[in-house]
Amino acid sequence: MGSVTHNLFKLFRGGAVQNEASATPSASRIGRRSSGLNEFSKSISGQEGLCILDLGSTSATNISRLTGMGHKVCTEDLLEAAHDSQLLAPGPDGKKVIDVKRFLSESLAYQGQVFDAVLCWDVADYLPEPLVKPVVERLCALTKPGGILLAYFHTRDAGPDAPYYRYHMTGNDTLQLQPTQRHGSARFRLQRVFNNRHIENLFREFASLKFFLARDNVREVIVVR
C-alpha cells in the first residue's frame, strides 16, 4: 500500500481505550439529544458480538461505549482519507480530480467483512462530490441484510459554514458534539445540502428509511439494509 496510511482502520474488541481528545475540555462540547441515535441504540441493545463501523473522527467515548456493550468496533475516519491530496490525479483536461478507484481500494476495504450497524454521522455532507455515490454503494455492500445505518444531513438553513463535529455518544439518545478545526478554521466545509428526495435516491438500494427532523437544522435518518 506504499506510503499512504490514511486507509488504515482500527478494530476494537474491548478493554481500555486511550482518549485521543483528553486535552480538549468537555466544556467545549455541545450536548444534543438524537432521536435517530435512540433508534440506533435500541437496534443494537440486547445483543452481543455485533460488528459496528464508525466512520466519523475517532471517539474513545464511542469505542468504550460500544465495546462495553459487547460489540466489536471498526473506526475509519473517512473524511480524513477523502481529503488526502495524494488522491488527486490529472484528469482528461489536465485539472486534478479525485481518483475514485484508488480511494475505494484504500478506504472501506474490509475484504469480506460485513457489519451489523454503521455510524455514518454527517460524512456524506462533507465528502467530495465524486465520492458520495460510490461510498454509499460500498456501504450497502458492507452492511448485512437487516443491518442499520445512522446518518445525519444538514438542511439548507444550516449554511455552508456549518461546523464539522466529532460525535461522542454519551447515552442511548444523547451526544456531545466536539467542534474540530485545522489551522484555526473549520476542518471540513459543507459540500452540499440533500433534501429528502435526494437522500431516498442515495439509499435506494437499502430496504427502508426513517426520517427525524431535529431542531438544529439537521435531518436524522435511520436506514435499514
C-alpha atoms as a PDB file:
ATOM      1  CA  MET A   1       0.000   0.000   0.000  1.00  0.00           C
ATOM      2  CA  GLY A   2       3.034   2.265  -0.281  1.00  0.00           C
ATOM      3  CA  SER A   3       3.444   5.299   1.911  1.00  0.00           C
ATOM      4  CA  VAL A   4      -0.254   6.133   2.140  1.00  0.00           C
ATOM      5  CA  THR A   5      -1.528   5.373   5.617  1.00  0.00           C
ATOM      6  CA  HIS A   6      -4.933   7.062   5.677  1.00  0.00           C
ATOM      7  CA  ASN A   7      -6.638   3.840   4.569  1.00  0.00           C
ATOM      8  CA  LEU A   8      -5.818   2.049   7.820  1.00  0.00           C
ATOM      9  CA  PHE A   9      -8.742   1.319  10.089  1.00  0.00           C
ATOM     10  CA  LYS A  10      -8.790   0.280  13.730  1.00  0.00           C
ATOM     11  CA  LEU A  11     -10.657  -2.659  15.215  1.00  0.00           C
ATOM     12  CA  PHE A  12     -11.607  -2.590  18.885  1.00  0.00           C
ATOM     13  CA  ARG A  13     -12.980  -5.511  20.883  1.00  0.00           C
ATOM     14  CA  GLY A  14     -12.970  -4.068  24.396  1.00  0.00           C
ATOM     15  CA  GLY A  15     -10.569  -3.136  27.125  1.00  0.00           C
ATOM     16  CA  ALA A  16      -9.001   0.222  27.891  1.00  0.00           C
ATOM     17  CA  VAL A  17      -9.094   2.872  25.197  1.00  0.00           C
ATOM     18  CA  GLN A  18      -6.836   5.898  25.279  1.00  0.00           C
ATOM     19  CA  ASN A  19      -8.827   9.120  24.986  1.00  0.00           C
ATOM     20  CA  GLU A  20      -7.425  10.956  21.989  1.00  0.00           C
ATOM     21  CA  ALA A  21      -9.355  14.080  22.916  1.00  0.00           C
ATOM     22  CA  SER A  22      -8.286  14.266  26.555  1.00  0.00           C
ATOM     23  CA  ALA A  23      -6.632  17.634  26.023  1.00  0.00           C
ATOM     24  CA  THR A  24      -9.923  19.184  24.923  1.00  0.00           C
ATOM     25  CA  PRO A  25     -12.089  20.318  27.858  1.00  0.00           C
ATOM     26  CA  SER A  26     -15.561  18.765  27.912  1.00  0.00           C
ATOM     27  CA  ALA A  27     -16.931  22.304  28.332  1.00  0.00           C
ATOM     28  CA  SER A  28     -16.104  22.919  24.652  1.00  0.00           C
ATOM     29  CA  ARG A  29     -18.534  20.168  23.672  1.00  0.00           C
ATOM     30  CA  ILE A  30     -22.190  20.767  22.904  1.00  0.00           C
ATOM     31  CA  GLY A  31     -24.838  18.465  24.364  1.00  0.00           C
ATOM     32  CA  ARG A  32     -27.524  17.187  21.986  1.00  0.00           C
ATOM     33  CA  ARG A  33     -30.389  14.717  22.004  1.00  0.00           C
ATOM     34  CA  SER A  34     -30.874  12.492  18.979  1.00  0.00           C
ATOM     35  CA  SER A  35     -33.988  10.509  18.080  1.00  0.00           C
ATOM     36  CA  GLY A  36     -32.017   8.732  15.373  1.00  0.00           C
ATOM     37  CA  LEU A  37     -29.362   7.652  17.861  1.00  0.00           C
ATOM     38  CA  ASN A  38     -32.097   6.400  20.170  1.00  0.00           C
ATOM     39  CA  GLU A  39     -33.440   4.213  17.355  1.00  0.00           C
ATOM     40  CA  PHE A  40     -29.910   3.019  16.577  1.00  0.00           C
ATOM     41  CA  SER A  41     -29.267   2.212  20.256  1.00  0.00           C
ATOM     42  CA  LYS A  42     -32.449   0.161  20.509  1.00  0.00           C
ATOM     43  CA  SER A  43     -31.410  -1.829  17.459  1.00  0.00           C
ATOM     44  CA  ILE A  44     -28.037  -2.881  18.886  1.00  0.00           C
ATOM     45  CA  SER A  45     -29.050  -3.345  22.532  1.00  0.00           C
ATOM     46  CA  GLY A  46     -29.820  -6.761  23.990  1.00  0.00           C
ATOM     47  CA  GLN A  47     -27.306  -8.377  21.657  1.00  0.00           C
ATOM     48  CA  GLU A  48     -23.600  -9.078  21.877  1.00  0.00           C
ATOM     49  CA  GLY A  49     -20.860  -9.564  19.343  1.00  0.00           C
ATOM     50  CA  LEU A  50     -22.230  -7.216  16.694  1.00  0.00           C
ATOM     51  CA  CYS A  51     -19.755  -5.640  14.266  1.00  0.00           C
ATOM     52  CA  ILE A  52     -20.179  -1.865  14.164  1.00  0.00           C
ATOM     53  CA  LEU A  53     -18.456   0.556  11.786  1.00  0.00           C
ATOM     54  CA  ASP A  54     -17.914   4.167  12.902  1.00  0.00           C
ATOM     55  CA  LEU A  55     -16.976   6.471  10.014  1.00  0.00           C
ATOM     56  CA  GLY A  56     -16.525   9.705  11.976  1.00  0.00           C
ATOM     57  CA  SER A  57     -13.464  11.167  13.638  1.00  0.00           C
ATOM     58  CA  THR A  58     -12.255   8.591  16.145  1.00  0.00           C
ATOM     59  CA  SER A  59     -14.015   8.894  19.506  1.00  0.00           C
ATOM     60  CA  ALA A  60     -12.733   6.971  22.507  1.00  0.00           C
ATOM     61  CA  THR A  61     -16.135   7.611  24.105  1.00  0.00           C
ATOM     62  CA  ASN A  62     -17.903   5.756  21.300  1.00  0.00           C
ATOM     63  CA  ILE A  63     -15.414   2.907  21.333  1.00  0.00           C
ATOM     64  CA  SER A  64     -15.703   2.406  25.085  1.00  0.00           C
ATOM     65  CA  ARG A  65     -19.496   2.569  24.999  1.00  0.00           C
ATOM     66  CA  LEU A  66     -19.909   0.101  22.139  1.00  0.00           C
ATOM     67  CA  THR A  67     -17.260  -2.380  23.256  1.00  0.00           C
ATOM     68  CA  GLY A  68     -18.735  -2.155  26.759  1.00  0.00           C
ATOM     69  CA  MET A  69     -21.965  -3.462  25.243  1.00  0.00           C
ATOM     70  CA  GLY A  70     -20.029  -6.473  23.954  1.00  0.00           C
ATOM     71  CA  HIS A  71     -19.669  -5.343  20.353  1.00  0.00           C
ATOM     72  CA  LYS A  72     -16.682  -5.145  18.030  1.00  0.00           C
ATOM     73  CA  VAL A  73     -15.995  -1.689  16.613  1.00  0.00           C
ATOM     74  CA  CYS A  74     -14.117  -0.666  13.486  1.00  0.00           C
ATOM     75  CA  THR A  75     -13.303   3.028  13.187  1.00  0.00           C
ATOM     76  CA  GLU A  76     -12.304   4.728   9.958  1.00  0.00           C
ATOM     77  CA  ASP A  77     -12.010   8.495   9.585  1.00  0.00           C
ATOM     78  CA  LEU A  78     -13.456   8.558   6.080  1.00  0.00           C
ATOM     79  CA  LEU A  79     -13.299  12.314   5.566  1.00  0.00           C
ATOM     80  CA  GLU A  80      -9.634  12.464   6.501  1.00  0.00           C
ATOM     81  CA  ALA A  81      -8.992   9.842   3.819  1.00  0.00           C
ATOM     82  CA  ALA A  82     -11.238  11.559   1.262  1.00  0.00           C
ATOM     83  CA  HIS A  83      -9.366  14.868   1.549  1.00  0.00           C
ATOM     84  CA  ASP A  84      -5.888  13.378   1.195  1.00  0.00           C
ATOM     85  CA  SER A  85      -4.019  15.270  -1.533  1.00  0.00           C
ATOM     86  CA  GLN A  86      -2.412  12.033  -2.727  1.00  0.00           C
ATOM     87  CA  LEU A  87      -5.803  11.009  -4.156  1.00  0.00           C
ATOM     88  CA  LEU A  88      -5.651  13.801  -6.719  1.00  0.00           C
ATOM     89  CA  ALA A  89      -4.596  12.836 -10.245  1.00  0.00           C
ATOM     90  CA  PRO A  90      -4.612  14.698 -13.598  1.00  0.00           C
ATOM     91  CA  GLY A  91      -7.962  14.447 -15.377  1.00  0.00           C
ATOM     92  CA  PRO A  92      -8.668  14.481 -19.134  1.00  0.00           C
ATOM     93  CA  ASP A  93      -8.443  18.287 -19.245  1.00  0.00           C
ATOM     94  CA  GLY A  94      -5.283  18.399 -17.158  1.00  0.00           C
ATOM     95  CA  LYS A  95      -7.050  19.541 -13.995  1.00  0.00           C
ATOM     96  CA  LYS A  96      -6.604  17.429 -10.898  1.00  0.00           C
ATOM     97  CA  VAL A  97      -9.515  15.174  -9.974  1.00  0.00           C
ATOM     98  CA  ILE A  98     -10.079  12.584  -7.257  1.00  0.00           C
ATOM     99  CA  ASP A  99      -9.010   9.064  -8.158  1.00  0.00           C
ATOM    100  CA  VAL A 100     -12.189   7.279  -7.030  1.00  0.00           C
ATOM    101  CA  LYS A 101     -10.857   3.833  -7.848  1.00  0.00           C
ATOM    102  CA  ARG A 102      -7.790   4.383  -5.696  1.00  0.00           C
ATOM    103  CA  PHE A 103      -9.880   5.774  -2.853  1.00  0.00           C
ATOM    104  CA  LEU A 104     -12.095   2.671  -2.805  1.00  0.00           C
ATOM    105  CA  SER A 105      -9.056   0.396  -2.911  1.00  0.00           C
ATOM    106  CA  GLU A 106      -7.612   2.104   0.169  1.00  0.00           C
ATOM    107  CA  SER A 107     -10.755   3.000   2.146  1.00  0.00           C
ATOM    108  CA  LEU A 108     -13.760   0.910   3.219  1.00  0.00           C
ATOM    109  CA  ALA A 109     -11.710  -2.083   2.108  1.00  0.00           C
ATOM    110  CA  TYR A 110     -12.686  -4.848   4.519  1.00  0.00           C
ATOM    111  CA  GLN A 111     -12.136  -7.957   2.365  1.00  0.00           C
ATOM    112  CA  GLY A 112     -15.331  -9.872   3.053  1.00  0.00           C
ATOM    113  CA  GLN A 113     -16.136  -8.282   6.429  1.00  0.00           C
ATOM    114  CA  VAL A 114     -19.743  -7.141   6.804  1.00  0.00           C
ATOM    115  CA  PHE A 115     -21.281  -5.002   9.533  1.00  0.00           C
ATOM    116  CA  ASP A 116     -24.438  -5.170  11.605  1.00  0.00           C
ATOM    117  CA  ALA A 117     -24.546  -1.401  12.086  1.00  0.00           C
ATOM    118  CA  VAL A 118     -22.880   1.705  10.665  1.00  0.00           C
ATOM    119  CA  LEU A 119     -22.466   5.155  12.214  1.00  0.00           C
ATOM    120  CA  CYS A 120     -22.223   7.384   9.163  1.00  0.00           C
ATOM    121  CA  TRP A 121     -22.920  10.651  11.043  1.00  0.00           C
ATOM    122  CA  ASP A 122     -22.851  13.594   8.586  1.00  0.00           C
ATOM    123  CA  VAL A 123     -19.974  12.281   6.474  1.00  0.00           C
ATOM    124  CA  ALA A 124     -21.954  12.445   3.207  1.00  0.00           C
ATOM    125  CA  ASP A 125     -22.469  16.207   3.556  1.00  0.00           C
ATOM    126  CA  TYR A 126     -18.704  16.822   3.633  1.00  0.00           C
ATOM    127  CA  LEU A 127     -17.498  14.227   1.105  1.00  0.00           C
ATOM    128  CA  PRO A 128     -16.160  15.475  -2.228  1.00  0.00           C
ATOM    129  CA  GLU A 129     -18.911  15.044  -4.821  1.00  0.00           C
ATOM    130  CA  PRO A 130     -17.272  12.238  -6.882  1.00  0.00           C
ATOM    131  CA  LEU A 131     -17.115  10.020  -3.788  1.00  0.00           C
ATOM    132  CA  VAL A 132     -20.668  10.310  -2.447  1.00  0.00           C
ATOM    133  CA  LYS A 133     -22.424   7.719  -4.604  1.00  0.00           C
ATOM    134  CA  PRO A 134     -19.506   5.207  -4.631  1.00  0.00           C
ATOM    135  CA  VAL A 135     -19.204   5.419  -0.832  1.00  0.00           C
ATOM    136  CA  VAL A 136     -22.916   4.736  -0.267  1.00  0.00           C
ATOM    137  CA  GLU A 137     -22.781   1.841  -2.733  1.00  0.00           C
ATOM    138  CA  ARG A 138     -19.808   0.399  -0.838  1.00  0.00           C
ATOM    139  CA  LEU A 139     -21.638   0.834   2.480  1.00  0.00           C
ATOM    140  CA  CYS A 140     -24.603  -1.051   1.042  1.00  0.00           C
ATOM    141  CA  ALA A 141     -22.285  -3.941   0.201  1.00  0.00           C
ATOM    142  CA  LEU A 142     -20.681  -3.803   3.668  1.00  0.00           C
ATOM    143  CA  THR A 143     -23.939  -3.793   5.652  1.00  0.00           C
ATOM    144  CA  LYS A 144     -25.659  -7.080   6.470  1.00  0.00           C
ATOM    145  CA  PRO A 145     -29.264  -7.550   5.303  1.00  0.00           C
ATOM    146  CA  GLY A 146     -31.364  -6.148   8.127  1.00  0.00           C
ATOM    147  CA  GLY A 147     -28.409  -4.097   9.349  1.00  0.00           C
ATOM    148  CA  ILE A 148     -28.904  -0.475  10.380  1.00  0.00           C
ATOM    149  CA  LEU A 149     -27.164   2.767   9.413  1.00  0.00           C
ATOM    150  CA  LEU A 150     -27.441   6.145  11.140  1.00  0.00           C
ATOM    151  CA  ALA A 151     -26.776   9.268   9.082  1.00  0.00           C
ATOM    152  CA  TYR A 152     -27.219  13.000   9.619  1.00  0.00           C
ATOM    153  CA  PHE A 153     -27.887  15.528   6.844  1.00  0.00           C
ATOM    154  CA  HIS A 154     -27.853  19.298   7.162  1.00  0.00           C
ATOM    155  CA  THR A 155     -30.796  21.325   5.921  1.00  0.00           C
ATOM    156  CA  ARG A 156     -30.333  24.420   3.797  1.00  0.00           C
ATOM    157  CA  ASP A 157     -30.734  26.615   6.879  1.00  0.00           C
ATOM    158  CA  ALA A 158     -27.516  25.196   8.329  1.00  0.00           C
ATOM    159  CA  GLY A 159     -25.437  27.286   5.898  1.00  0.00           C
ATOM    160  CA  PRO A 160     -22.146  26.418   4.128  1.00  0.00           C
ATOM    161  CA  ASP A 161     -20.099  27.264   7.221  1.00  0.00           C
ATOM    162  CA  ALA A 162     -21.830  24.655   9.387  1.00  0.00           C
ATOM    163  CA  PRO A 163     -19.119  23.384  11.770  1.00  0.00           C
ATOM    164  CA  TYR A 164     -17.823  19.854  11.463  1.00  0.00           C
ATOM    165  CA  TYR A 165     -18.087  17.890  14.702  1.00  0.00           C
ATOM    166  CA  ARG A 166     -16.645  14.798  16.291  1.00  0.00           C
ATOM    167  CA  TYR A 167     -19.645  12.929  17.719  1.00  0.00           C
ATOM    168  CA  HIS A 168     -19.404  11.317  21.157  1.00  0.00           C
ATOM    169  CA  MET A 169     -22.215   9.013  22.299  1.00  0.00           C
ATOM    170  CA  THR A 170     -22.905   9.668  25.972  1.00  0.00           C
ATOM    171  CA  GLY A 171     -26.240   7.839  26.274  1.00  0.00           C
ATOM    172  CA  ASN A 172     -28.860   5.961  24.294  1.00  0.00           C
ATOM    173  CA  ASP A 173     -30.155   9.225  22.844  1.00  0.00           C
ATOM    174  CA  THR A 174     -27.550  11.790  23.869  1.00  0.00           C
ATOM    175  CA  LEU A 175     -24.419  13.097  22.204  1.00  0.00           C
ATOM    176  CA  GLN A 176     -21.632  15.539  22.830  1.00  0.00           C
ATOM    177  CA  LEU A 177     -20.601  17.457  19.723  1.00  0.00           C
ATOM    178  CA  GLN A 178     -16.947  18.491  19.679  1.00  0.00           C
ATOM    179  CA  PRO A 179     -16.014  21.130  17.055  1.00  0.00           C
ATOM    180  CA  THR A 180     -12.930  20.160  15.076  1.00  0.00           C
ATOM    181  CA  GLN A 181     -10.591  22.641  13.460  1.00  0.00           C
ATOM    182  CA  ARG A 182      -7.389  22.707  11.490  1.00  0.00           C
ATOM    183  CA  HIS A 183      -5.079  25.728  11.368  1.00  0.00           C
ATOM    184  CA  GLY A 184      -7.728  27.809  13.129  1.00  0.00           C
ATOM    185  CA  SER A 185     -10.525  27.188  10.620  1.00  0.00           C
ATOM    186  CA  ALA A 186     -13.159  24.509  10.037  1.00  0.00           C
ATOM    187  CA  ARG A 187     -11.618  21.119   9.396  1.00  0.00           C
ATOM    188  CA  PHE A 188     -14.056  20.361   6.569  1.00  0.00           C
ATOM    189  CA  ARG A 189     -16.533  22.535   4.673  1.00  0.00           C
ATOM    190  CA  LEU A 190     -20.121  21.568   3.915  1.00  0.00           C
ATOM    191  CA  GLN A 191     -20.198  20.460   0.283  1.00  0.00           C
ATOM    192  CA  ARG A 192     -23.930  20.261  -0.443  1.00  0.00           C
ATOM    193  CA  VAL A 193     -27.409  20.017   1.047  1.00  0.00           C
ATOM    194  CA  PHE A 194     -29.530  16.917   0.394  1.00  0.00           C
ATOM    195  CA  ASN A 195     -33.312  17.106   0.513  1.00  0.00           C
ATOM    196  CA  ASN A 196     -35.449  14.075   1.419  1.00  0.00           C
ATOM    197  CA  ARG A 197     -35.782  13.007  -2.191  1.00  0.00           C
ATOM    198  CA  HIS A 198     -32.018  13.132  -2.723  1.00  0.00           C
ATOM    199  CA  ILE A 199     -31.479  11.056   0.418  1.00  0.00           C
ATOM    200  CA  GLU A 200     -34.051   8.475  -0.654  1.00  0.00           C
ATOM    201  CA  ASN A 201     -32.348   8.201  -4.043  1.00  0.00           C
ATOM    202  CA  LEU A 202     -28.918   7.940  -2.439  1.00  0.00           C
ATOM    203  CA  PHE A 203     -30.033   4.944  -0.349  1.00  0.00           C
ATOM    204  CA  ARG A 204     -32.317   3.394  -2.971  1.00  0.00           C
ATOM    205  CA  GLU A 205     -30.588   0.005  -2.681  1.00  0.00           C
ATOM    206  CA  PHE A 206     -31.480  -0.201   1.022  1.00  0.00           C
ATOM    207  CA  ALA A 207     -34.774  -1.648   2.287  1.00  0.00           C
ATOM    208  CA  SER A 208     -36.180   1.321   4.226  1.00  0.00           C
ATOM    209  CA  LEU A 209     -35.544   4.821   5.546  1.00  0.00           C
ATOM    210  CA  LYS A 210     -36.956   6.678   8.514  1.00  0.00           C
ATOM    211  CA  PHE A 211     -36.534  10.445   8.909  1.00  0.00           C
ATOM    212  CA  PHE A 212     -36.301  12.524  12.084  1.00  0.00           C
ATOM    213  CA  LEU A 213     -36.183  16.324  11.779  1.00  0.00           C
ATOM    214  CA  ALA A 214     -34.116  17.830  14.566  1.00  0.00           C
ATOM    215  CA  ARG A 215     -34.210  21.410  15.834  1.00  0.00           C
ATOM    216  CA  ASP A 216     -30.659  22.287  14.819  1.00  0.00           C
ATOM    217  CA  ASN A 217     -31.160  22.216  11.022  1.00  0.00           C
ATOM    218  CA  VAL A 218     -30.259  18.549  10.756  1.00  0.00           C
ATOM    219  CA  ARG A 219     -32.211  15.627   9.323  1.00  0.00           C
ATOM    220  CA  GLU A 220     -31.507  12.352  11.091  1.00  0.00           C
ATOM    221  CA  VAL A 221     -32.029   9.219   9.041  1.00  0.00           C
ATOM    222  CA  ILE A 222     -32.202   5.565  10.044  1.00  0.00           C
ATOM    223  CA  VAL A 223     -31.557   3.328   7.052  1.00  0.00           C
ATOM    224  CA  VAL A 224     -32.152  -0.432   7.112  1.00  0.00           C
ATOM    225  CA  ARG A 225     -30.349  -2.666   4.629  1.00  0.00           C
END
